Amino acid sequence: MSFSFKYKPVKLNTGEIVRRPIVPITLQGTKTKLDVLGFLDTGSDISIIPREIAEVLGIEFIEEGEVIGITGNKMKVSRGKLNIIFGKERQEYQFDIPVLIPEKEGGQVIIGRFGFFEQFRITFSEVEKRITFKKLYPREEFKKNF
């Protein structure tokens, strides 16, 4: 079985409205859980959670360090693990993903490949502005990459 979501409209700084692959997910930490919208980013290896959301959730930081972004800029981050609940209607799935928490506040929830993408067969249809997910068998692949 599969389920899908339409791309969500996003207003750019220029005022232009574009549609992006953004999906509703529930983030669960040790303190609480939050329903948020996550931007699916096929170019990101690892998911990124804004620091203020990580603190509200009670994510335990595993280590601190630096990462180099696609622009070549260094960013101070903490690493952690987050439980997410994702799906639609009666097809709800729960699993852990590795996350980076930038030192700088602000930003959006970005869902990267490790831990998430390998859970599903994901089809992006730019023509239809729709993302379709088909659940695959359970895997522990992300632990090797984290």
C-alpha atoms as a PDB file:
ATOM      1  CA  MET A   1       0.000   0.000   0.000  1.00  0.00           C
ATOM      2  CA  SER A   2       1.075   3.531  -0.608  1.00  0.00           C
ATOM      3  CA  PHE A   3       0.078   7.032   0.421  1.00  0.00           C
ATOM      4  CA  SER A   4       0.830  10.469  -0.966  1.00  0.00           C
ATOM      5  CA  PHE A   5       0.946  14.174  -0.172  1.00  0.00           C
ATOM      6  CA  LYS A   6       0.625  17.191  -2.440  1.00  0.00           C
ATOM      7  CA  TYR A   7       3.501  19.673  -2.428  1.00  0.00           C
ATOM      8  CA  LYS A   8       2.855  22.602  -0.062  1.00  0.00           C
ATOM      9  CA  PRO A   9       2.873  26.235  -1.213  1.00  0.00           C
ATOM     10  CA  VAL A  10       5.804  28.311   0.095  1.00  0.00           C
ATOM     11  CA  LYS A  11       6.200  32.069  -0.267  1.00  0.00           C
ATOM     12  CA  LEU A  12       9.722  33.096  -1.331  1.00  0.00           C
ATOM     13  CA  ASN A  13      11.452  36.342  -0.305  1.00  0.00           C
ATOM     14  CA  THR A  14      10.542  37.708  -3.740  1.00  0.00           C
ATOM     15  CA  GLY A  15       6.848  37.203  -2.974  1.00  0.00           C
ATOM     16  CA  GLU A  16       6.571  34.380  -5.503  1.00  0.00           C
ATOM     17  CA  ILE A  17       4.647  31.289  -4.391  1.00  0.00           C
ATOM     18  CA  VAL A  18       6.239  27.926  -5.242  1.00  0.00           C
ATOM     19  CA  ARG A  19       5.310  24.361  -4.288  1.00  0.00           C
ATOM     20  CA  ARG A  20       7.780  22.252  -2.299  1.00  0.00           C
ATOM     21  CA  PRO A  21       7.918  18.602  -1.074  1.00  0.00           C
ATOM     22  CA  ILE A  22       6.896  19.311   2.519  1.00  0.00           C
ATOM     23  CA  VAL A  23       5.141  16.648   4.606  1.00  0.00           C
ATOM     24  CA  PRO A  24       3.507  16.522   8.032  1.00  0.00           C
ATOM     25  CA  ILE A  25       5.472  14.508  10.595  1.00  0.00           C
ATOM     26  CA  THR A  26       5.440  14.067  14.349  1.00  0.00           C
ATOM     27  CA  LEU A  27       8.758  14.477  16.164  1.00  0.00           C
ATOM     28  CA  GLN A  28       9.016  12.676  19.498  1.00  0.00           C
ATOM     29  CA  GLY A  29      11.636  13.409  22.133  1.00  0.00           C
ATOM     30  CA  THR A  30      12.055  12.482  25.791  1.00  0.00           C
ATOM     31  CA  LYS A  31       9.916  15.425  26.999  1.00  0.00           C
ATOM     32  CA  THR A  32       7.118  15.723  24.446  1.00  0.00           C
ATOM     33  CA  LYS A  33       6.153  15.350  20.816  1.00  0.00           C
ATOM     34  CA  LEU A  34       5.384  17.977  18.185  1.00  0.00           C
ATOM     35  CA  ASP A  35       3.508  17.937  14.897  1.00  0.00           C
ATOM     36  CA  VAL A  36       5.576  19.844  12.324  1.00  0.00           C
ATOM     37  CA  LEU A  37       6.079  20.182   8.596  1.00  0.00           C
ATOM     38  CA  GLY A  38       9.321  18.704   7.276  1.00  0.00           C
ATOM     39  CA  PHE A  39      10.999  19.623   3.991  1.00  0.00           C
ATOM     40  CA  LEU A  40      12.110  16.440   2.176  1.00  0.00           C
ATOM     41  CA  ASP A  41      15.639  17.111   0.926  1.00  0.00           C
ATOM     42  CA  THR A  42      17.107  14.471  -1.370  1.00  0.00           C
ATOM     43  CA  GLY A  43      20.452  16.301  -1.247  1.00  0.00           C
ATOM     44  CA  SER A  44      20.812  16.088   2.544  1.00  0.00           C
ATOM     45  CA  ASP A  45      22.373  13.000   4.054  1.00  0.00           C
ATOM     46  CA  ILE A  46      21.110  13.724   7.535  1.00  0.00           C
ATOM     47  CA  SER A  47      18.052  15.490   8.929  1.00  0.00           C
ATOM     48  CA  ILE A  48      18.345  18.901  10.571  1.00  0.00           C
ATOM     49  CA  ILE A  49      16.179  20.042  13.474  1.00  0.00           C
ATOM     50  CA  PRO A  50      16.231  23.670  14.705  1.00  0.00           C
ATOM     51  CA  ARG A  51      17.781  23.995  18.179  1.00  0.00           C
ATOM     52  CA  GLU A  52      14.648  25.482  19.763  1.00  0.00           C
ATOM     53  CA  ILE A  53      12.562  22.483  18.605  1.00  0.00           C
ATOM     54  CA  ALA A  54      15.236  20.039  19.825  1.00  0.00           C
ATOM     55  CA  GLU A  55      15.219  21.682  23.276  1.00  0.00           C
ATOM     56  CA  VAL A  56      11.408  21.579  23.545  1.00  0.00           C
ATOM     57  CA  LEU A  57      11.401  17.897  22.548  1.00  0.00           C
ATOM     58  CA  GLY A  58      14.207  17.004  24.953  1.00  0.00           C
ATOM     59  CA  ILE A  59      16.545  15.483  22.383  1.00  0.00           C
ATOM     60  CA  GLU A  60      19.657  14.080  24.023  1.00  0.00           C
ATOM     61  CA  PHE A  61      22.756  15.443  22.316  1.00  0.00           C
ATOM     62  CA  ILE A  62      25.243  12.664  21.562  1.00  0.00           C
ATOM     63  CA  GLU A  63      28.218  14.788  20.509  1.00  0.00           C
ATOM     64  CA  GLU A  64      29.162  18.247  19.293  1.00  0.00           C
ATOM     65  CA  GLY A  65      31.258  19.157  16.295  1.00  0.00           C
ATOM     66  CA  GLU A  66      31.333  20.944  12.974  1.00  0.00           C
ATOM     67  CA  VAL A  67      29.995  20.066   9.568  1.00  0.00           C
ATOM     68  CA  ILE A  68      30.700  21.666   6.228  1.00  0.00           C
ATOM     69  CA  GLY A  69      27.620  22.632   4.236  1.00  0.00           C
ATOM     70  CA  ILE A  70      27.180  22.516   0.495  1.00  0.00           C
ATOM     71  CA  THR A  71      28.345  26.146   0.256  1.00  0.00           C
ATOM     72  CA  GLY A  72      31.598  25.254   2.024  1.00  0.00           C
ATOM     73  CA  ASN A  73      30.675  27.123   5.209  1.00  0.00           C
ATOM     74  CA  LYS A  74      31.369  25.428   8.532  1.00  0.00           C
ATOM     75  CA  MET A  75      28.501  25.098  10.976  1.00  0.00           C
ATOM     76  CA  LYS A  76      28.700  24.126  14.656  1.00  0.00           C
ATOM     77  CA  VAL A  77      26.229  21.348  15.405  1.00  0.00           C
ATOM     78  CA  SER A  78      25.204  18.788  17.953  1.00  0.00           C
ATOM     79  CA  ARG A  79      24.246  15.279  16.916  1.00  0.00           C
ATOM     80  CA  GLY A  80      21.291  13.405  18.263  1.00  0.00           C
ATOM     81  CA  LYS A  81      18.690  10.776  17.541  1.00  0.00           C
ATOM     82  CA  LEU A  82      15.003  11.477  17.109  1.00  0.00           C
ATOM     83  CA  ASN A  83      11.925   9.298  16.957  1.00  0.00           C
ATOM     84  CA  ILE A  84       9.461  10.266  14.261  1.00  0.00           C
ATOM     85  CA  ILE A  85       5.942   9.196  13.479  1.00  0.00           C
ATOM     86  CA  PHE A  86       5.040   9.458   9.818  1.00  0.00           C
ATOM     87  CA  GLY A  87       2.247   8.324   7.581  1.00  0.00           C
ATOM     88  CA  LYS A  88      -1.313   8.971   6.622  1.00  0.00           C
ATOM     89  CA  GLU A  89      -4.595   7.681   7.982  1.00  0.00           C
ATOM     90  CA  ARG A  90      -4.162   4.005   8.934  1.00  0.00           C
ATOM     91  CA  GLN A  91      -0.627   3.771   7.563  1.00  0.00           C
ATOM     92  CA  GLU A  92       1.397   5.301  10.368  1.00  0.00           C
ATOM     93  CA  TYR A  93       5.029   4.301  10.935  1.00  0.00           C
ATOM     94  CA  GLN A  94       7.392   5.061  13.797  1.00  0.00           C
ATOM     95  CA  PHE A  95      11.199   4.886  13.621  1.00  0.00           C
ATOM     96  CA  ASP A  96      14.392   6.642  14.727  1.00  0.00           C
ATOM     97  CA  ILE A  97      16.493   8.932  12.556  1.00  0.00           C
ATOM     98  CA  PRO A  98      19.849  10.621  13.209  1.00  0.00           C
ATOM     99  CA  VAL A  99      19.679  14.431  13.359  1.00  0.00           C
ATOM    100  CA  LEU A 100      21.950  17.440  13.413  1.00  0.00           C
ATOM    101  CA  ILE A 101      21.026  20.382  15.626  1.00  0.00           C
ATOM    102  CA  PRO A 102      22.713  23.628  14.517  1.00  0.00           C
ATOM    103  CA  GLU A 103      24.122  25.908  17.217  1.00  0.00           C
ATOM    104  CA  LYS A 104      22.421  28.863  15.539  1.00  0.00           C
ATOM    105  CA  GLU A 105      18.694  29.181  16.242  1.00  0.00           C
ATOM    106  CA  GLY A 106      16.063  29.335  13.529  1.00  0.00           C
ATOM    107  CA  GLY A 107      15.507  27.414  10.348  1.00  0.00           C
ATOM    108  CA  GLN A 108      13.160  24.684   9.323  1.00  0.00           C
ATOM    109  CA  VAL A 109      12.891  20.946   9.818  1.00  0.00           C
ATOM    110  CA  ILE A 110      14.787  19.271   6.984  1.00  0.00           C
ATOM    111  CA  ILE A 111      14.324  15.555   6.446  1.00  0.00           C
ATOM    112  CA  GLY A 112      17.454  13.980   4.934  1.00  0.00           C
ATOM    113  CA  ARG A 113      18.054  10.531   3.515  1.00  0.00           C
ATOM    114  CA  PHE A 114      19.633   8.567   6.413  1.00  0.00           C
ATOM    115  CA  GLY A 115      17.025   6.803   8.488  1.00  0.00           C
ATOM    116  CA  PHE A 116      14.032   8.182   6.595  1.00  0.00           C
ATOM    117  CA  PHE A 117      14.341   7.686   2.835  1.00  0.00           C
ATOM    118  CA  GLU A 118      15.445   4.074   3.196  1.00  0.00           C
ATOM    119  CA  GLN A 119      12.160   3.257   4.978  1.00  0.00           C
ATOM    120  CA  PHE A 120      10.137   3.918   1.806  1.00  0.00           C
ATOM    121  CA  ARG A 121      10.088   3.801  -1.941  1.00  0.00           C
ATOM    122  CA  ILE A 122       9.588   7.520  -2.583  1.00  0.00           C
ATOM    123  CA  THR A 123       8.383   8.963  -5.872  1.00  0.00           C
ATOM    124  CA  PHE A 124       8.548  12.701  -6.521  1.00  0.00           C
ATOM    125  CA  SER A 125       6.225  13.817  -9.323  1.00  0.00           C
ATOM    126  CA  GLU A 126       7.114  17.363 -10.324  1.00  0.00           C
ATOM    127  CA  VAL A 127       4.340  17.411 -12.920  1.00  0.00           C
ATOM    128  CA  GLU A 128       1.664  16.509 -10.356  1.00  0.00           C
ATOM    129  CA  LYS A 129       3.456  18.281  -7.470  1.00  0.00           C
ATOM    130  CA  ARG A 130       2.983  15.116  -5.390  1.00  0.00           C
ATOM    131  CA  ILE A 131       5.152  12.769  -3.305  1.00  0.00           C
ATOM    132  CA  THR A 132       4.165   9.102  -3.018  1.00  0.00           C
ATOM    133  CA  PHE A 133       5.485   6.771  -0.313  1.00  0.00           C
ATOM    134  CA  LYS A 134       5.440   2.989  -0.282  1.00  0.00           C
ATOM    135  CA  LYS A 135       6.706   1.390   2.941  1.00  0.00           C
ATOM    136  CA  LEU A 136       9.583  -1.046   2.554  1.00  0.00           C
ATOM    137  CA  TYR A 137      10.557  -3.810   4.960  1.00  0.00           C
ATOM    138  CA  PRO A 138      12.216  -2.604   8.224  1.00  0.00           C
ATOM    139  CA  ARG A 139      15.916  -1.824   8.024  1.00  0.00           C
ATOM    140  CA  GLU A 140      18.606  -0.680  10.423  1.00  0.00           C
ATOM    141  CA  GLU A 141      20.728   0.835   7.654  1.00  0.00           C
ATOM    142  CA  PHE A 142      21.075   4.331   9.156  1.00  0.00           C
ATOM    143  CA  LYS A 143      23.100   3.078  12.132  1.00  0.00           C
ATOM    144  CA  LYS A 144      26.016   2.377   9.777  1.00  0.00           C
ATOM    145  CA  ASN A 145      25.903   5.949   8.488  1.00  0.00           C
ATOM    146  CA  PHE A 146      25.537   7.783  11.794  1.00  0.00           C
END
